[in-house]
Amino acid sequence: MKYKINKRKRKSKKILEMKDFHGYPLASKNHQFVIQEMTVQHILVLEPKLIRRVVSKKVMKKYDQLIKKVTELLIVDDEDGSSCRQALNLIEKFRLEIKVKYREYLKEKELKKMAEQLKMMKKLLNRKEMEMRTAQLNESMGKSR
C-alpha cells in the first residue's frame, strides 16, 4: 500500500481532529515516526484489514513472549509454588489486556486458539501448584511426628 505525504506548509481551513476517525493508533517508543525525512507524530490506521494485520502481529508477538515466560516458570523447581502463581498471574494479565484492548480487532478463530492454549496452561499450573501444596503438607506432617 502506498502512502502520500503532503509537504505543503499551508494550513487548511478545515482541520480534522483525530477524534473524528475510528481507527487504530500506531505507537512508537519516542512518540514520533520518520517518513521520507519528515517526523510524524501520530499515525492512525483506518483500513480494517490493515488494522487486523497490525494488531494480530502485535498480539502474537506478546503471546509468544508469554508462552516462553510461562514455560520457563514451569521448568523452575521451587518448593513454595511462587513460580506457578506468577505464571497464572501473567496469563490472567494477558487475557485481560486482550479483552480490553484488542478483542474488537482480532478474529474469533485467533481468540479461540489462544484461549484454549491458555486454559490448558492454567490447568497444568493449577495441578502443579496443588501437587506442591500436598507435598508441603505431607512433609510438614511427617516432621511433626
N, C-alpha and C. Protein backbone atom coordinates (compact mmCIF):
# COMPACT_ATOMS: atom_id res chain seq x y z
N MET A 1 0.84 -1.17 0.00
CA MET A 1 0.00 0.00 0.00
C MET A 1 0.89 1.23 0.00
N LYS A 2 0.62 2.14 -0.89
CA LYS A 2 1.42 3.36 -0.98
C LYS A 2 0.80 4.43 -0.09
N TYR A 3 1.61 5.35 0.29
CA TYR A 3 1.13 6.47 1.09
C TYR A 3 1.65 7.75 0.46
N LYS A 4 1.04 8.83 0.82
CA LYS A 4 1.43 10.11 0.27
C LYS A 4 1.55 11.10 1.40
N ILE A 5 2.61 11.86 1.39
CA ILE A 5 2.82 12.89 2.40
C ILE A 5 2.68 14.25 1.75
N ASN A 6 1.84 15.04 2.34
CA ASN A 6 1.64 16.40 1.85
C ASN A 6 2.68 17.29 2.53
N LYS A 7 3.62 17.83 1.76
CA LYS A 7 4.71 18.62 2.32
C LYS A 7 4.42 20.11 2.32
N ARG A 8 3.26 20.49 1.87
CA ARG A 8 2.93 21.92 1.85
C ARG A 8 2.80 22.45 3.27
N LYS A 9 3.32 23.62 3.49
CA LYS A 9 3.26 24.23 4.81
C LYS A 9 1.94 24.98 5.03
N ARG A 10 1.19 25.16 3.97
CA ARG A 10 -0.05 25.92 4.04
C ARG A 10 -1.06 25.18 4.92
N LYS A 11 -1.68 25.90 5.81
CA LYS A 11 -2.67 25.31 6.70
C LYS A 11 -4.03 25.31 6.03
N SER A 12 -4.74 24.27 6.25
CA SER A 12 -6.07 24.14 5.69
C SER A 12 -7.08 24.83 6.59
N LYS A 13 -8.14 25.34 6.01
CA LYS A 13 -9.18 25.96 6.81
C LYS A 13 -9.95 24.91 7.58
N LYS A 14 -10.05 23.75 7.02
CA LYS A 14 -10.79 22.68 7.65
C LYS A 14 -9.79 21.76 8.37
N ILE A 15 -9.82 21.78 9.67
CA ILE A 15 -8.91 20.97 10.46
C ILE A 15 -9.70 19.78 11.01
N LEU A 16 -9.22 18.59 10.72
CA LEU A 16 -9.87 17.39 11.21
C LEU A 16 -9.16 16.90 12.47
N GLU A 17 -9.91 16.61 13.45
CA GLU A 17 -9.35 16.08 14.70
C GLU A 17 -9.20 14.57 14.57
N MET A 18 -8.30 14.01 15.35
CA MET A 18 -8.11 12.57 15.36
C MET A 18 -9.35 11.88 15.94
N LYS A 19 -10.12 12.59 16.76
CA LYS A 19 -11.31 12.02 17.36
C LYS A 19 -12.38 11.72 16.32
N ASP A 20 -12.34 12.40 15.20
CA ASP A 20 -13.37 12.24 14.17
C ASP A 20 -13.27 10.90 13.46
N PHE A 21 -12.14 10.23 13.55
CA PHE A 21 -11.94 8.97 12.86
C PHE A 21 -11.89 7.82 13.86
N HIS A 22 -12.40 6.68 13.43
CA HIS A 22 -12.29 5.47 14.25
C HIS A 22 -11.26 4.58 13.59
N GLY A 23 -10.16 4.36 14.28
CA GLY A 23 -9.09 3.55 13.73
C GLY A 23 -8.19 3.07 14.85
N TYR A 24 -7.04 2.59 14.48
CA TYR A 24 -6.07 2.07 15.44
C TYR A 24 -4.83 2.95 15.39
N PRO A 25 -4.49 3.61 16.51
CA PRO A 25 -3.29 4.45 16.50
C PRO A 25 -2.02 3.60 16.64
N LEU A 26 -1.04 3.89 15.83
CA LEU A 26 0.25 3.20 15.94
C LEU A 26 1.07 3.88 17.02
N ALA A 27 1.76 3.08 17.78
CA ALA A 27 2.56 3.62 18.86
C ALA A 27 4.04 3.46 18.53
N SER A 28 4.83 4.38 19.05
CA SER A 28 6.28 4.26 18.90
C SER A 28 6.91 4.61 20.25
N LYS A 29 8.13 4.16 20.44
CA LYS A 29 8.80 4.39 21.72
C LYS A 29 9.08 5.86 21.98
N ASN A 30 9.45 6.59 20.94
CA ASN A 30 9.79 8.00 21.15
C ASN A 30 8.69 8.94 20.65
N HIS A 31 7.49 8.40 20.42
CA HIS A 31 6.31 9.17 20.05
C HIS A 31 6.44 9.93 18.74
N GLN A 32 7.24 9.42 17.84
CA GLN A 32 7.33 10.03 16.52
C GLN A 32 7.88 9.02 15.52
N PHE A 33 7.49 9.18 14.29
CA PHE A 33 7.93 8.34 13.20
C PHE A 33 8.68 9.22 12.20
N VAL A 34 9.63 8.63 11.50
CA VAL A 34 10.35 9.37 10.46
C VAL A 34 9.98 8.73 9.12
N ILE A 35 9.31 9.53 8.28
CA ILE A 35 8.89 9.08 6.96
C ILE A 35 9.41 10.09 5.94
N GLN A 36 10.21 9.64 5.02
CA GLN A 36 10.82 10.49 4.00
C GLN A 36 11.44 11.74 4.63
N GLU A 37 12.25 11.51 5.63
CA GLU A 37 12.99 12.57 6.34
C GLU A 37 12.09 13.60 7.01
N MET A 38 10.86 13.24 7.26
CA MET A 38 9.93 14.10 8.00
C MET A 38 9.50 13.37 9.25
N THR A 39 9.31 14.11 10.32
CA THR A 39 8.82 13.49 11.55
C THR A 39 7.30 13.61 11.61
N VAL A 40 6.69 12.48 11.88
CA VAL A 40 5.24 12.40 12.00
C VAL A 40 4.94 11.94 13.41
N GLN A 41 4.06 12.65 14.09
CA GLN A 41 3.79 12.33 15.49
C GLN A 41 2.66 11.33 15.67
N HIS A 42 1.65 11.39 14.85
CA HIS A 42 0.50 10.49 15.02
C HIS A 42 0.18 9.80 13.70
N ILE A 43 0.05 8.48 13.77
CA ILE A 43 -0.40 7.72 12.62
C ILE A 43 -1.62 6.92 13.07
N LEU A 44 -2.70 7.09 12.36
CA LEU A 44 -3.94 6.39 12.66
C LEU A 44 -4.27 5.50 11.47
N VAL A 45 -4.35 4.21 11.71
CA VAL A 45 -4.66 3.25 10.66
C VAL A 45 -6.18 3.14 10.56
N LEU A 46 -6.71 3.37 9.39
CA LEU A 46 -8.15 3.38 9.19
C LEU A 46 -8.67 2.14 8.46
N GLU A 47 -7.85 1.51 7.66
CA GLU A 47 -8.25 0.35 6.87
C GLU A 47 -8.42 -0.88 7.79
N PRO A 48 -9.63 -1.47 7.86
CA PRO A 48 -9.87 -2.60 8.78
C PRO A 48 -8.96 -3.80 8.56
N LYS A 49 -8.67 -4.16 7.30
CA LYS A 49 -7.78 -5.29 7.05
C LYS A 49 -6.38 -5.03 7.57
N LEU A 50 -5.91 -3.81 7.37
CA LEU A 50 -4.58 -3.44 7.84
C LEU A 50 -4.54 -3.39 9.37
N ILE A 51 -5.59 -2.90 9.97
CA ILE A 51 -5.67 -2.87 11.44
C ILE A 51 -5.58 -4.29 11.98
N ARG A 52 -6.34 -5.20 11.38
CA ARG A 52 -6.34 -6.59 11.83
C ARG A 52 -4.94 -7.20 11.74
N ARG A 53 -4.24 -6.90 10.66
CA ARG A 53 -2.88 -7.44 10.49
C ARG A 53 -1.92 -6.87 11.53
N VAL A 54 -1.98 -5.56 11.73
CA VAL A 54 -1.07 -4.90 12.68
C VAL A 54 -1.32 -5.42 14.09
N VAL A 55 -2.59 -5.47 14.48
CA VAL A 55 -2.93 -5.91 15.83
C VAL A 55 -2.61 -7.38 16.02
N SER A 56 -2.92 -8.19 15.02
CA SER A 56 -2.64 -9.61 15.10
C SER A 56 -1.15 -9.87 15.29
N LYS A 57 -0.34 -9.17 14.53
CA LYS A 57 1.12 -9.33 14.65
C LYS A 57 1.60 -8.92 16.05
N LYS A 58 1.06 -7.82 16.55
CA LYS A 58 1.45 -7.33 17.87
C LYS A 58 1.03 -8.30 18.97
N VAL A 59 -0.20 -8.80 18.89
CA VAL A 59 -0.71 -9.72 19.90
C VAL A 59 0.04 -11.04 19.86
N MET A 60 0.30 -11.55 18.67
CA MET A 60 1.02 -12.82 18.57
C MET A 60 2.44 -12.72 19.12
N LYS A 61 3.05 -11.57 18.94
CA LYS A 61 4.39 -11.35 19.50
C LYS A 61 4.32 -11.39 21.03
N LYS A 62 3.33 -10.71 21.60
CA LYS A 62 3.15 -10.72 23.05
C LYS A 62 2.80 -12.13 23.54
N TYR A 63 1.98 -12.83 22.77
CA TYR A 63 1.56 -14.19 23.14
C TYR A 63 2.76 -15.13 23.16
N ASP A 64 3.62 -15.04 22.16
CA ASP A 64 4.82 -15.88 22.12
C ASP A 64 5.73 -15.60 23.31
N GLN A 65 5.87 -14.32 23.67
CA GLN A 65 6.67 -13.96 24.84
C GLN A 65 6.06 -14.54 26.11
N LEU A 66 4.74 -14.49 26.21
CA LEU A 66 4.05 -15.04 27.37
C LEU A 66 4.28 -16.55 27.48
N ILE A 67 4.15 -17.25 26.37
CA ILE A 67 4.35 -18.70 26.37
C ILE A 67 5.77 -19.05 26.79
N LYS A 68 6.76 -18.31 26.29
CA LYS A 68 8.15 -18.55 26.68
C LYS A 68 8.33 -18.34 28.18
N LYS A 69 7.78 -17.25 28.69
CA LYS A 69 7.92 -16.92 30.12
C LYS A 69 7.23 -17.96 31.00
N VAL A 70 6.02 -18.37 30.61
CA VAL A 70 5.29 -19.38 31.38
C VAL A 70 6.02 -20.72 31.34
N THR A 71 6.57 -21.08 30.20
CA THR A 71 7.33 -22.32 30.08
C THR A 71 8.56 -22.29 30.99
N GLU A 72 9.24 -21.16 31.02
CA GLU A 72 10.39 -21.02 31.92
C GLU A 72 9.96 -21.18 33.37
N LEU A 73 8.84 -20.59 33.73
CA LEU A 73 8.35 -20.68 35.11
C LEU A 73 7.89 -22.09 35.45
N LEU A 74 7.40 -22.84 34.47
CA LEU A 74 7.01 -24.23 34.70
C LEU A 74 8.22 -25.11 34.97
N ILE A 75 9.31 -24.82 34.29
CA ILE A 75 10.52 -25.62 34.42
C ILE A 75 11.19 -25.40 35.78
N VAL A 76 11.09 -24.18 36.29
CA VAL A 76 11.76 -23.83 37.55
C VAL A 76 11.19 -24.67 38.69
N ASP A 77 12.08 -25.24 39.48
CA ASP A 77 11.66 -26.01 40.65
C ASP A 77 11.79 -25.14 41.89
N ASP A 78 10.67 -24.75 42.44
CA ASP A 78 10.67 -24.05 43.72
C ASP A 78 9.70 -24.77 44.64
N GLU A 79 10.00 -24.77 45.93
CA GLU A 79 9.21 -25.52 46.89
C GLU A 79 7.91 -24.83 47.27
N ASP A 80 7.89 -23.51 47.21
CA ASP A 80 6.70 -22.80 47.70
C ASP A 80 5.65 -22.55 46.63
N GLY A 81 5.91 -22.82 45.37
CA GLY A 81 4.92 -22.66 44.30
C GLY A 81 4.74 -21.24 43.82
N SER A 82 5.69 -20.37 44.13
CA SER A 82 5.55 -18.97 43.72
C SER A 82 5.66 -18.81 42.20
N SER A 83 6.42 -19.68 41.56
CA SER A 83 6.54 -19.59 40.09
C SER A 83 5.21 -19.93 39.42
N CYS A 84 4.47 -20.87 39.98
CA CYS A 84 3.15 -21.21 39.42
C CYS A 84 2.19 -20.04 39.56
N ARG A 85 2.19 -19.41 40.73
CA ARG A 85 1.31 -18.26 40.94
C ARG A 85 1.70 -17.10 40.03
N GLN A 86 2.99 -16.89 39.85
CA GLN A 86 3.46 -15.83 38.97
C GLN A 86 3.03 -16.09 37.53
N ALA A 87 3.15 -17.34 37.08
CA ALA A 87 2.73 -17.70 35.72
C ALA A 87 1.23 -17.53 35.55
N LEU A 88 0.44 -17.92 36.56
CA LEU A 88 -1.01 -17.74 36.49
C LEU A 88 -1.37 -16.26 36.43
N ASN A 89 -0.65 -15.45 37.17
CA ASN A 89 -0.90 -14.00 37.13
C ASN A 89 -0.57 -13.42 35.75
N LEU A 90 0.52 -13.87 35.14
CA LEU A 90 0.89 -13.41 33.80
C LEU A 90 -0.18 -13.78 32.77
N ILE A 91 -0.69 -15.00 32.88
CA ILE A 91 -1.74 -15.46 31.96
C ILE A 91 -2.99 -14.61 32.12
N GLU A 92 -3.39 -14.38 33.36
CA GLU A 92 -4.60 -13.59 33.60
C GLU A 92 -4.43 -12.14 33.13
N LYS A 93 -3.26 -11.58 33.36
CA LYS A 93 -2.99 -10.20 32.91
C LYS A 93 -3.06 -10.11 31.39
N PHE A 94 -2.49 -11.09 30.69
CA PHE A 94 -2.53 -11.11 29.23
C PHE A 94 -3.97 -11.25 28.74
N ARG A 95 -4.73 -12.14 29.37
CA ARG A 95 -6.12 -12.35 28.97
C ARG A 95 -6.95 -11.08 29.10
N LEU A 96 -6.77 -10.37 30.20
CA LEU A 96 -7.50 -9.12 30.41
C LEU A 96 -7.07 -8.04 29.42
N GLU A 97 -5.78 -7.98 29.13
CA GLU A 97 -5.28 -6.99 28.17
C GLU A 97 -5.88 -7.23 26.78
N ILE A 98 -5.96 -8.49 26.38
CA ILE A 98 -6.57 -8.83 25.09
C ILE A 98 -8.04 -8.44 25.10
N LYS A 99 -8.70 -8.75 26.18
CA LYS A 99 -10.14 -8.46 26.29
C LYS A 99 -10.42 -6.96 26.19
N VAL A 100 -9.61 -6.16 26.83
CA VAL A 100 -9.84 -4.72 26.88
C VAL A 100 -9.36 -4.01 25.62
N LYS A 101 -8.14 -4.30 25.17
CA LYS A 101 -7.53 -3.52 24.10
C LYS A 101 -7.75 -4.05 22.69
N TYR A 102 -7.68 -5.37 22.52
CA TYR A 102 -7.54 -5.91 21.16
C TYR A 102 -8.69 -6.78 20.67
N ARG A 103 -9.65 -7.10 21.51
CA ARG A 103 -10.70 -8.05 21.13
C ARG A 103 -11.45 -7.64 19.87
N GLU A 104 -11.77 -6.38 19.73
CA GLU A 104 -12.55 -5.94 18.57
C GLU A 104 -11.78 -6.03 17.26
N TYR A 105 -10.46 -6.09 17.33
CA TYR A 105 -9.65 -6.12 16.11
C TYR A 105 -9.25 -7.53 15.69
N LEU A 106 -9.30 -8.49 16.60
CA LEU A 106 -8.85 -9.84 16.29
C LEU A 106 -9.98 -10.72 15.77
N LYS A 107 -9.62 -11.73 15.03
CA LYS A 107 -10.61 -12.69 14.51
C LYS A 107 -10.99 -13.66 15.63
N GLU A 108 -12.19 -14.17 15.54
CA GLU A 108 -12.72 -15.11 16.54
C GLU A 108 -11.86 -16.38 16.59
N LYS A 109 -11.38 -16.81 15.44
CA LYS A 109 -10.56 -18.02 15.35
C LYS A 109 -9.26 -17.86 16.16
N GLU A 110 -8.61 -16.69 16.03
CA GLU A 110 -7.38 -16.43 16.78
C GLU A 110 -7.64 -16.39 18.28
N LEU A 111 -8.74 -15.75 18.66
CA LEU A 111 -9.09 -15.65 20.07
C LEU A 111 -9.35 -17.02 20.68
N LYS A 112 -10.09 -17.87 19.97
CA LYS A 112 -10.38 -19.22 20.48
C LYS A 112 -9.12 -20.05 20.63
N LYS A 113 -8.23 -19.95 19.65
CA LYS A 113 -6.98 -20.72 19.70
C LYS A 113 -6.16 -20.32 20.93
N MET A 114 -6.01 -19.01 21.13
CA MET A 114 -5.24 -18.55 22.28
C MET A 114 -5.92 -18.93 23.59
N ALA A 115 -7.24 -18.80 23.65
CA ALA A 115 -7.99 -19.11 24.86
C ALA A 115 -7.84 -20.59 25.24
N GLU A 116 -7.93 -21.48 24.26
CA GLU A 116 -7.78 -22.91 24.53
C GLU A 116 -6.39 -23.24 25.06
N GLN A 117 -5.37 -22.67 24.43
CA GLN A 117 -4.00 -22.94 24.87
C GLN A 117 -3.75 -22.38 26.27
N LEU A 118 -4.30 -21.21 26.55
CA LEU A 118 -4.12 -20.62 27.87
C LEU A 118 -4.88 -21.41 28.93
N LYS A 119 -6.04 -21.96 28.58
CA LYS A 119 -6.79 -22.81 29.53
C LYS A 119 -5.98 -24.04 29.90
N MET A 120 -5.36 -24.66 28.88
CA MET A 120 -4.55 -25.85 29.15
C MET A 120 -3.38 -25.50 30.06
N MET A 121 -2.74 -24.36 29.80
CA MET A 121 -1.62 -23.92 30.64
C MET A 121 -2.09 -23.67 32.07
N LYS A 122 -3.25 -23.03 32.22
CA LYS A 122 -3.77 -22.75 33.55
C LYS A 122 -4.06 -24.04 34.31
N LYS A 123 -4.65 -25.03 33.64
CA LYS A 123 -4.93 -26.32 34.29
C LYS A 123 -3.64 -26.98 34.74
N LEU A 124 -2.64 -26.96 33.88
CA LEU A 124 -1.35 -27.56 34.21
C LEU A 124 -0.72 -26.85 35.40
N LEU A 125 -0.76 -25.53 35.40
CA LEU A 125 -0.20 -24.76 36.50
C LEU A 125 -0.95 -24.99 37.80
N ASN A 126 -2.28 -25.05 37.74
CA ASN A 126 -3.07 -25.31 38.94
C ASN A 126 -2.78 -26.70 39.50
N ARG A 127 -2.64 -27.68 38.61
CA ARG A 127 -2.32 -29.05 39.05
C ARG A 127 -0.94 -29.08 39.72
N LYS A 128 0.03 -28.41 39.11
CA LYS A 128 1.38 -28.39 39.68
C LYS A 128 1.38 -27.69 41.04
N GLU A 129 0.62 -26.61 41.16
CA GLU A 129 0.55 -25.89 42.43
C GLU A 129 -0.09 -26.76 43.52
N MET A 130 -1.15 -27.48 43.16
CA MET A 130 -1.79 -28.38 44.12
C MET A 130 -0.85 -29.49 44.56
N GLU A 131 -0.08 -30.03 43.62
CA GLU A 131 0.90 -31.07 43.96
C GLU A 131 1.94 -30.54 44.93
N MET A 132 2.39 -29.31 44.71
CA MET A 132 3.37 -28.71 45.61
C MET A 132 2.78 -28.50 47.00
N ARG A 133 1.53 -28.07 47.05
CA ARG A 133 0.88 -27.86 48.35
C ARG A 133 0.73 -29.17 49.11
N THR A 134 0.30 -30.21 48.42
CA THR A 134 0.15 -31.50 49.10
C THR A 134 1.50 -32.04 49.54
N ALA A 135 2.52 -31.84 48.73
CA ALA A 135 3.87 -32.29 49.12
C ALA A 135 4.34 -31.53 50.36
N GLN A 136 4.06 -30.23 50.42
CA GLN A 136 4.44 -29.44 51.59
C GLN A 136 3.68 -29.90 52.82
N LEU A 137 2.38 -30.18 52.66
CA LEU A 137 1.58 -30.66 53.79
C LEU A 137 2.08 -32.00 54.30
N ASN A 138 2.35 -32.92 53.37
CA ASN A 138 2.87 -34.23 53.77
C ASN A 138 4.23 -34.11 54.46
N GLU A 139 5.06 -33.23 53.96
CA GLU A 139 6.37 -33.03 54.54
C GLU A 139 6.26 -32.43 55.94
N SER A 140 5.38 -31.46 56.11
CA SER A 140 5.24 -30.83 57.42
C SER A 140 4.59 -31.79 58.43
N MET A 141 3.68 -32.63 57.97
CA MET A 141 3.05 -33.61 58.86
C MET A 141 4.06 -34.68 59.26
N GLY A 142 4.95 -35.05 58.35
CA GLY A 142 5.96 -36.04 58.65
C GLY A 142 6.98 -35.54 59.64
N LYS A 143 7.29 -34.27 59.64
CA LYS A 143 8.26 -33.68 60.58
C LYS A 143 7.70 -33.59 61.99
N SER A 144 6.40 -33.41 62.11
CA SER A 144 5.81 -33.24 63.44
C SER A 144 5.73 -34.54 64.20
N ARG A 145 5.81 -35.66 63.51
CA ARG A 145 5.72 -36.97 64.20
C ARG A 145 7.02 -37.36 64.71
